[in-house]
């Protein structure tokens, strides 16, 4: 039963990451080692407000105990583009703040090495996130 709970949690997290309303019904495909949840598909569907099938699917993915969970979200293209544009604006703001912090005179000299390294790692993650969102907007 614990694996069922973990799959439901993964579906909910994928929904949140995809900015899908909790009351919107979604399609979920489960693949991989699904024997542990095969008898609980109705429960998963009810708890996650989803149409659940076994087999490979498309969409956002999460892996739970060797079970591939794919969430397929059908969206209005205009609304999706607006969502990505908003997320890109927020990501660029975060990137700018990280760059300003690291460029601040004395920050690298006064801050502990671990803090500086953590900020540099965040900077690289933010650059990659901005690049990913920019690619999504150009599709």
Protein backbone atom coordinates (compact mmCIF):
# COMPACT_ATOMS: atom_id res chain seq x y z
CA UNK A 1 0.00 0.00 0.00
CA UNK A 2 2.96 2.30 0.59
CA UNK A 3 3.88 2.17 -3.09
CA UNK A 4 0.33 3.25 -4.00
CA UNK A 5 0.69 6.26 -1.72
CA UNK A 6 4.05 7.12 -3.31
CA UNK A 7 2.59 6.89 -6.83
CA UNK A 8 -0.34 9.13 -5.88
CA UNK A 9 2.09 11.62 -4.33
CA UNK A 10 4.20 11.60 -7.51
CA UNK A 11 1.11 12.26 -9.65
CA UNK A 12 0.11 15.16 -7.42
CA UNK A 13 3.63 16.61 -7.60
CA UNK A 14 3.63 16.29 -11.39
CA UNK A 15 0.25 18.04 -11.51
CA UNK A 16 1.58 20.87 -9.38
CA UNK A 17 4.75 21.21 -11.46
CA UNK A 18 2.61 21.32 -14.61
CA UNK A 19 0.37 23.96 -13.01
CA UNK A 20 -2.73 21.78 -13.39
CA UNK A 21 -5.69 22.59 -11.17
CA UNK A 22 -6.36 19.90 -8.54
CA UNK A 23 -9.93 19.44 -9.79
CA UNK A 24 -8.88 18.95 -13.44
CA UNK A 25 -8.90 15.33 -14.59
CA UNK A 26 -5.60 14.21 -16.16
CA UNK A 27 -4.30 11.16 -17.98
CA UNK A 28 -1.58 9.10 -16.28
CA UNK A 29 0.35 6.16 -17.68
CA UNK A 30 2.25 3.78 -15.41
CA UNK A 31 5.05 1.63 -16.83
CA UNK A 32 7.91 -0.47 -15.54
CA UNK A 33 7.51 -2.58 -12.40
CA UNK A 34 3.75 -2.06 -12.01
CA UNK A 35 2.83 -5.41 -10.43
CA UNK A 36 2.67 -3.81 -6.96
CA UNK A 37 0.03 -1.28 -8.07
CA UNK A 38 -1.84 -3.19 -10.79
CA UNK A 39 -4.67 -4.12 -8.41
CA UNK A 40 -4.98 -0.57 -7.08
CA UNK A 41 -5.46 1.40 -10.29
CA UNK A 42 -9.00 2.45 -9.34
CA UNK A 43 -7.78 3.74 -5.96
CA UNK A 44 -4.92 5.64 -7.60
CA UNK A 45 -7.31 7.11 -10.16
CA UNK A 46 -9.71 8.28 -7.46
CA UNK A 47 -7.05 9.71 -5.15
CA UNK A 48 -5.20 11.49 -7.97
CA UNK A 49 -8.29 12.52 -10.00
CA UNK A 50 -6.79 10.83 -13.04
CA UNK A 51 -7.50 8.34 -15.78
CA UNK A 52 -4.80 5.75 -15.09
CA UNK A 53 -3.57 3.18 -17.61
CA UNK A 54 -0.70 0.72 -17.71
CA UNK A 55 1.89 1.12 -20.44
CA UNK A 56 4.19 3.75 -21.81
CA UNK A 57 2.79 7.22 -22.18
CA UNK A 58 3.87 10.73 -22.99
CA UNK A 59 4.31 13.82 -20.90
CA UNK A 60 6.04 14.80 -17.69
CA UNK A 61 7.70 11.90 -15.94
CA UNK A 62 8.59 10.81 -12.42
CA UNK A 63 10.01 7.49 -11.28
CA UNK A 64 8.72 5.85 -8.11
CA UNK A 65 10.30 2.55 -7.06
CA UNK A 66 11.00 1.50 -10.67
CA UNK A 67 7.51 2.62 -11.75
CA UNK A 68 7.53 5.25 -14.48
CA UNK A 69 4.70 7.72 -13.88
CA UNK A 70 3.82 9.89 -16.89
CA UNK A 71 1.34 12.75 -16.73
CA UNK A 72 -0.18 13.85 -20.03
CA UNK A 73 -1.63 17.34 -19.92
CA UNK A 74 -3.58 18.80 -22.80
CA UNK A 75 -3.41 22.56 -22.74
CA UNK A 76 -4.45 25.51 -24.74
CA UNK A 77 -1.29 26.48 -26.65
CA UNK A 78 -1.77 30.19 -25.93
CA UNK A 79 -2.23 29.61 -22.21
CA UNK A 80 0.79 27.30 -22.08
CA UNK A 81 2.95 29.88 -23.85
CA UNK A 82 1.82 32.56 -21.38
CA UNK A 83 2.62 30.25 -18.44
CA UNK A 84 6.12 29.54 -19.79
CA UNK A 85 6.68 33.27 -20.40
CA UNK A 86 5.72 34.05 -16.77
CA UNK A 87 7.99 31.30 -15.50
CA UNK A 88 10.81 32.61 -17.71
CA UNK A 89 10.42 36.11 -16.26
CA UNK A 90 10.67 34.71 -12.72
CA UNK A 91 13.67 32.56 -13.68
CA UNK A 92 15.48 35.53 -15.21
CA UNK A 93 14.87 37.55 -12.04
CA UNK A 94 16.35 34.76 -9.92
CA UNK A 95 19.31 34.50 -12.28
CA UNK A 96 19.91 38.25 -12.11
CA UNK A 97 19.84 38.17 -8.29
CA UNK A 98 22.35 35.31 -8.21
CA UNK A 99 24.67 37.13 -10.61
CA UNK A 100 24.43 40.33 -8.57
CA UNK A 101 25.19 38.49 -5.35
CA UNK A 102 28.27 36.80 -6.76
CA UNK A 103 29.49 40.03 -8.39
CA UNK A 104 29.06 42.01 -5.18
CA UNK A 105 32.48 43.31 -4.02
CA UNK A 106 33.79 41.26 -1.14
CA UNK A 107 31.12 38.54 -1.22
CA UNK A 108 33.45 35.81 -2.44
CA UNK A 109 36.20 36.99 -0.09
CA UNK A 110 34.10 37.36 3.08
CA UNK A 111 31.57 34.54 2.75
CA UNK A 112 32.48 30.98 3.72
CA UNK A 113 33.71 28.87 0.82
CA UNK A 114 30.74 26.50 1.10
CA UNK A 115 28.28 29.40 0.77
CA UNK A 116 30.07 30.77 -2.29
CA UNK A 117 30.15 27.32 -3.93
CA UNK A 118 26.46 26.79 -3.19
CA UNK A 119 25.63 30.16 -4.79
CA UNK A 120 27.74 29.31 -7.85
CA UNK A 121 25.89 26.00 -8.18
CA UNK A 122 22.54 27.83 -7.93
CA UNK A 123 23.73 30.25 -10.60
CA UNK A 124 24.48 27.39 -13.00
CA UNK A 125 21.14 25.72 -12.27
CA UNK A 126 19.33 28.99 -12.90
CA UNK A 127 21.19 29.54 -16.17
CA UNK A 128 20.19 26.05 -17.31
CA UNK A 129 16.56 26.65 -16.28
CA UNK A 130 16.43 29.95 -18.20
CA UNK A 131 17.92 28.27 -21.28
CA UNK A 132 15.36 25.44 -21.08
CA UNK A 133 12.46 27.88 -20.82
CA UNK A 134 13.80 29.98 -23.69
CA UNK A 135 13.96 26.84 -25.86
CA UNK A 136 10.36 26.02 -24.94
CA UNK A 137 9.22 29.47 -26.03
CA UNK A 138 10.97 29.21 -29.40
CA UNK A 139 9.21 25.91 -30.30
